[in-house]
N, C-alpha and C. Protein backbone atom coordinates (compact mmCIF):
# COMPACT_ATOMS: atom_id res chain seq x y z
N ALA A 1 0.93 -1.22 0.04
CA ALA A 1 -0.09 0.11 -0.02
C ALA A 1 1.01 1.33 -0.02
N ALA A 2 0.40 2.15 -0.62
CA ALA A 2 1.12 3.45 -0.88
C ALA A 2 1.26 4.24 0.44
N GLY A 3 0.43 4.09 1.56
CA GLY A 3 0.40 4.87 2.59
C GLY A 3 0.28 3.99 3.80
N SER A 4 0.23 4.58 5.01
CA SER A 4 0.13 3.89 6.17
C SER A 4 -0.90 4.56 7.19
N GLY A 5 -1.71 3.93 7.94
CA GLY A 5 -2.60 4.48 8.88
C GLY A 5 -3.98 4.54 8.33
N ALA A 6 -4.71 5.08 9.23
CA ALA A 6 -6.12 5.12 8.97
C ALA A 6 -6.54 6.21 8.07
N LEU A 7 -7.53 5.78 7.08
CA LEU A 7 -8.06 6.87 6.20
C LEU A 7 -9.23 7.48 6.93
N SER A 8 -9.47 8.82 6.73
CA SER A 8 -10.48 9.51 7.36
C SER A 8 -10.93 10.86 6.47
N HIS A 9 -12.12 11.16 6.54
CA HIS A 9 -12.68 12.42 5.75
C HIS A 9 -11.92 13.62 6.19
N SER A 10 -11.44 14.31 5.40
CA SER A 10 -11.03 15.72 5.57
C SER A 10 -11.90 16.58 6.56
N PRO A 11 -11.25 17.23 7.63
CA PRO A 11 -12.21 18.23 8.37
C PRO A 11 -12.70 19.33 7.63
N ASP A 12 -12.18 19.58 6.39
CA ASP A 12 -12.46 20.70 5.59
C ASP A 12 -13.71 20.25 4.64
N VAL A 13 -14.20 19.06 4.84
CA VAL A 13 -15.20 18.64 3.81
C VAL A 13 -16.42 18.33 4.50
N ALA A 14 -17.37 19.05 3.95
CA ALA A 14 -18.87 18.91 4.47
C ALA A 14 -19.47 17.93 3.53
N HIS A 15 -20.19 16.86 4.13
CA HIS A 15 -20.68 15.87 3.31
C HIS A 15 -22.09 15.58 3.58
N THR A 16 -22.92 15.21 2.74
CA THR A 16 -24.26 14.91 3.06
C THR A 16 -24.79 13.86 2.09
N SER A 17 -25.77 13.00 2.62
CA SER A 17 -26.44 12.08 1.57
C SER A 17 -27.47 12.76 0.98
N VAL A 18 -27.45 12.77 -0.42
CA VAL A 18 -28.38 13.55 -1.08
C VAL A 18 -29.76 12.95 -1.56
N ASP A 19 -29.79 11.61 -1.46
CA ASP A 19 -30.99 11.13 -1.74
C ASP A 19 -31.13 9.59 -1.29
N PRO A 20 -32.17 8.80 -1.41
CA PRO A 20 -32.13 7.56 -0.77
C PRO A 20 -31.20 6.51 -1.57
N SER A 21 -30.83 6.98 -2.82
CA SER A 21 -30.04 5.82 -3.44
C SER A 21 -28.57 5.69 -2.99
N GLY A 22 -28.27 6.61 -2.11
CA GLY A 22 -26.79 6.54 -1.50
C GLY A 22 -25.87 7.47 -1.93
N ARG A 23 -26.44 8.49 -2.78
CA ARG A 23 -25.41 9.47 -3.36
C ARG A 23 -24.90 10.32 -2.26
N HIS A 24 -23.64 10.90 -2.40
CA HIS A 24 -23.23 11.82 -1.33
C HIS A 24 -22.82 13.03 -2.06
N ALA A 25 -22.94 14.16 -1.46
CA ALA A 25 -22.49 15.52 -2.13
C ALA A 25 -21.44 15.84 -1.08
N LEU A 26 -20.20 16.34 -1.77
CA LEU A 26 -19.02 16.74 -0.88
C LEU A 26 -18.77 18.08 -1.17
N VAL A 27 -18.48 18.98 -0.44
CA VAL A 27 -18.10 20.27 -0.46
C VAL A 27 -16.89 20.56 0.28
N ASP A 28 -15.83 21.07 -0.43
CA ASP A 28 -14.51 21.39 0.17
C ASP A 28 -14.54 22.81 0.68
N LEU A 29 -14.81 23.02 2.01
CA LEU A 29 -14.98 24.22 2.68
C LEU A 29 -13.73 25.00 2.50
N SER A 30 -12.54 24.49 2.51
CA SER A 30 -11.24 25.21 2.13
C SER A 30 -11.17 25.94 0.82
N SER A 31 -11.99 25.49 -0.10
CA SER A 31 -12.02 25.96 -1.49
C SER A 31 -13.38 26.09 -1.85
N PRO A 32 -13.99 27.15 -1.47
CA PRO A 32 -15.51 27.40 -1.75
C PRO A 32 -15.75 27.66 -3.23
N SER A 33 -14.85 27.99 -3.97
CA SER A 33 -15.09 28.15 -5.54
C SER A 33 -15.22 26.74 -6.13
N THR A 34 -14.71 25.80 -5.58
CA THR A 34 -14.70 24.39 -6.21
C THR A 34 -16.18 23.75 -6.13
N PRO A 35 -16.70 23.43 -7.28
CA PRO A 35 -18.09 22.92 -7.23
C PRO A 35 -18.20 21.64 -6.36
N PRO A 36 -19.32 21.43 -5.83
CA PRO A 36 -19.51 20.12 -5.16
C PRO A 36 -19.26 18.94 -5.95
N ARG A 37 -18.76 17.94 -5.29
CA ARG A 37 -18.64 16.67 -5.88
C ARG A 37 -19.51 15.67 -5.52
N ILE A 38 -20.23 15.12 -6.57
CA ILE A 38 -21.37 14.07 -6.28
C ILE A 38 -20.70 12.63 -6.38
N LEU A 39 -20.89 11.91 -5.15
CA LEU A 39 -20.53 10.42 -5.32
C LEU A 39 -21.71 9.64 -5.48
N ALA A 40 -21.55 8.60 -6.25
CA ALA A 40 -22.64 7.69 -6.44
C ALA A 40 -22.07 6.23 -6.74
N GLY A 41 -22.90 5.19 -6.49
CA GLY A 41 -22.52 3.99 -6.86
C GLY A 41 -21.24 3.54 -5.95
N PRO A 42 -20.17 2.89 -6.76
CA PRO A 42 -19.10 2.48 -6.00
C PRO A 42 -18.30 3.52 -5.28
N ALA A 43 -18.24 4.73 -5.91
CA ALA A 43 -17.62 5.83 -5.22
C ALA A 43 -18.20 6.14 -3.73
N ALA A 44 -19.53 6.11 -3.80
CA ALA A 44 -20.26 6.47 -2.58
C ALA A 44 -19.90 5.34 -1.43
N VAL A 45 -19.87 4.06 -1.97
CA VAL A 45 -19.57 3.01 -1.14
C VAL A 45 -18.18 3.17 -0.34
N ILE A 46 -17.21 3.53 -1.32
CA ILE A 46 -15.93 3.82 -0.90
C ILE A 46 -15.77 4.86 0.32
N TRP A 47 -16.40 5.95 -0.08
CA TRP A 47 -16.71 7.10 0.83
C TRP A 47 -17.09 6.67 2.19
N GLU A 48 -18.15 5.77 2.16
CA GLU A 48 -18.99 5.36 3.32
C GLU A 48 -17.93 4.39 4.15
N CYS A 49 -17.10 3.59 3.34
CA CYS A 49 -16.28 2.73 4.05
C CYS A 49 -14.99 3.51 4.90
N VAL A 50 -14.81 4.61 4.42
CA VAL A 50 -13.77 5.39 5.14
C VAL A 50 -14.34 5.89 6.35
N ASP A 51 -13.90 5.41 7.49
CA ASP A 51 -14.63 5.78 8.63
C ASP A 51 -13.55 6.23 9.84
N GLY A 52 -12.38 6.43 9.53
CA GLY A 52 -11.32 6.94 10.43
C GLY A 52 -10.63 5.90 11.22
N SER A 53 -11.12 4.77 11.07
CA SER A 53 -10.51 3.70 11.72
C SER A 53 -9.70 2.54 10.88
N ARG A 54 -10.27 2.52 9.62
CA ARG A 54 -9.75 1.62 8.65
C ARG A 54 -8.58 2.09 7.76
N ASP A 55 -7.52 1.22 7.66
CA ASP A 55 -6.47 1.71 6.71
C ASP A 55 -6.86 1.40 5.37
N ARG A 56 -5.88 1.46 4.45
CA ARG A 56 -6.34 1.12 3.02
C ARG A 56 -6.81 -0.24 2.77
N ALA A 57 -6.01 -1.23 3.30
CA ALA A 57 -6.45 -2.54 3.08
C ALA A 57 -7.92 -2.99 3.75
N ALA A 58 -8.10 -2.39 4.97
CA ALA A 58 -9.43 -2.51 5.64
C ALA A 58 -10.52 -1.96 4.76
N VAL A 59 -10.21 -0.77 4.08
CA VAL A 59 -11.26 -0.14 3.20
C VAL A 59 -11.50 -1.16 2.05
N VAL A 60 -10.56 -1.51 1.44
CA VAL A 60 -10.66 -2.43 0.22
C VAL A 60 -11.50 -3.70 0.71
N ALA A 61 -11.22 -4.22 1.96
CA ALA A 61 -11.92 -5.34 2.30
C ALA A 61 -13.43 -5.04 2.62
N ALA A 62 -13.64 -3.84 3.14
CA ALA A 62 -15.05 -3.43 3.49
C ALA A 62 -15.83 -3.17 2.20
N VAL A 63 -15.28 -2.53 1.23
CA VAL A 63 -15.83 -2.30 -0.02
C VAL A 63 -16.13 -3.63 -0.73
N ALA A 64 -15.13 -4.34 -0.81
CA ALA A 64 -15.40 -5.76 -1.35
C ALA A 64 -16.58 -6.53 -0.84
N ASP A 65 -16.68 -6.51 0.65
CA ASP A 65 -17.77 -7.21 1.29
C ASP A 65 -19.05 -6.49 0.80
N GLU A 66 -19.08 -4.99 0.91
CA GLU A 66 -20.37 -4.49 0.51
C GLU A 66 -21.08 -4.63 -0.99
N VAL A 67 -19.88 -4.72 -1.65
CA VAL A 67 -20.48 -5.02 -3.17
C VAL A 67 -20.41 -6.44 -3.70
N GLY A 68 -20.08 -7.39 -2.69
CA GLY A 68 -20.24 -8.78 -3.01
C GLY A 68 -19.16 -9.34 -4.01
N LEU A 69 -17.83 -8.64 -4.03
CA LEU A 69 -16.75 -9.21 -4.62
C LEU A 69 -15.58 -9.43 -3.84
N SER A 70 -14.51 -10.01 -4.45
CA SER A 70 -13.46 -10.27 -3.64
C SER A 70 -12.48 -9.11 -3.55
N PRO A 71 -11.72 -8.88 -2.53
CA PRO A 71 -10.86 -7.57 -2.32
C PRO A 71 -9.90 -7.63 -3.62
N ASP A 72 -9.48 -8.64 -4.15
CA ASP A 72 -8.44 -8.72 -5.48
C ASP A 72 -9.38 -7.99 -6.60
N GLU A 73 -10.54 -8.12 -6.51
CA GLU A 73 -11.43 -7.75 -7.83
C GLU A 73 -11.78 -6.14 -7.54
N VAL A 74 -11.71 -5.57 -6.39
CA VAL A 74 -12.07 -4.22 -6.14
C VAL A 74 -10.73 -3.35 -5.84
N ARG A 75 -9.61 -3.98 -5.39
CA ARG A 75 -8.26 -3.21 -4.92
C ARG A 75 -7.96 -2.15 -5.84
N ASP A 76 -7.67 -2.44 -7.08
CA ASP A 76 -7.18 -1.35 -8.02
C ASP A 76 -8.19 -0.16 -8.13
N ASP A 77 -9.46 -0.41 -8.29
CA ASP A 77 -10.38 0.64 -8.32
C ASP A 77 -10.46 1.51 -7.01
N VAL A 78 -10.56 0.79 -5.88
CA VAL A 78 -10.62 1.34 -4.51
C VAL A 78 -9.22 2.15 -4.26
N GLU A 79 -8.21 1.65 -4.60
CA GLU A 79 -6.79 2.38 -4.23
C GLU A 79 -6.74 3.56 -5.21
N GLY A 80 -7.21 3.49 -6.44
CA GLY A 80 -7.15 4.53 -7.37
C GLY A 80 -7.92 5.67 -6.98
N PHE A 81 -9.23 5.26 -6.46
CA PHE A 81 -10.29 6.34 -5.99
C PHE A 81 -9.81 6.93 -4.67
N VAL A 82 -9.25 6.23 -3.71
CA VAL A 82 -8.70 6.77 -2.55
C VAL A 82 -7.48 7.77 -2.79
N GLY A 83 -6.65 7.21 -3.71
CA GLY A 83 -5.58 8.13 -4.07
C GLY A 83 -5.99 9.62 -4.62
N GLU A 84 -7.09 9.34 -5.43
CA GLU A 84 -7.65 10.69 -6.00
C GLU A 84 -8.16 11.65 -5.02
N LEU A 85 -8.86 10.96 -4.12
CA LEU A 85 -9.44 11.77 -3.09
C LEU A 85 -8.35 12.36 -2.15
N LEU A 86 -7.40 11.67 -1.84
CA LEU A 86 -6.11 12.06 -1.03
C LEU A 86 -5.55 13.34 -1.76
N GLY A 87 -5.43 13.13 -3.03
CA GLY A 87 -4.75 14.13 -3.82
C GLY A 87 -5.63 15.45 -3.80
N LEU A 88 -6.81 15.30 -3.78
CA LEU A 88 -7.75 16.47 -3.84
C LEU A 88 -8.09 17.23 -2.42
N GLY A 89 -7.43 16.39 -1.31
CA GLY A 89 -7.49 16.81 0.06
C GLY A 89 -8.82 16.56 0.58
N LEU A 90 -9.54 15.67 0.01
CA LEU A 90 -10.97 15.25 0.56
C LEU A 90 -10.88 14.22 1.62
N LEU A 91 -9.69 13.47 1.55
CA LEU A 91 -9.38 12.42 2.60
C LEU A 91 -8.10 12.65 3.24
N ARG A 92 -7.86 12.21 4.39
CA ARG A 92 -6.49 12.27 4.97
C ARG A 92 -6.19 10.71 5.34
N GLU A 93 -4.70 10.68 5.48
CA GLU A 93 -4.28 9.41 5.95
C GLU A 93 -3.23 9.57 6.92
N GLY A 94 -3.29 8.84 8.09
CA GLY A 94 -2.46 9.00 9.20
C GLY A 94 -2.39 7.98 10.22
N PRO A 95 -1.74 8.15 11.21
CA PRO A 95 -1.62 7.14 12.22
C PRO A 95 -2.97 6.81 12.73
N ALA A 96 -3.37 5.60 13.07
CA ALA A 96 -4.61 5.41 13.70
C ALA A 96 -4.71 5.88 15.06
């Protein structure tokens, strides 16, 4: 894994579930001019599985369990999306 420690939502991100289908709207409060990001489907599942106590491997396992696939089947997609969210400052990674 590229990082170590638990993944958590950035304290600068306000998020809410926008409808019963499980979509989430994220707003980066540190960058108000940035449009909200809407997460749906697998992206929303990944967001929900980041709970502040799971590291990358545990998030991969939780997502796999949630969508009914093996960790090997979802690892690349989960790692890629987590990396994207970390790069955007929407997630943080640090010691548990």
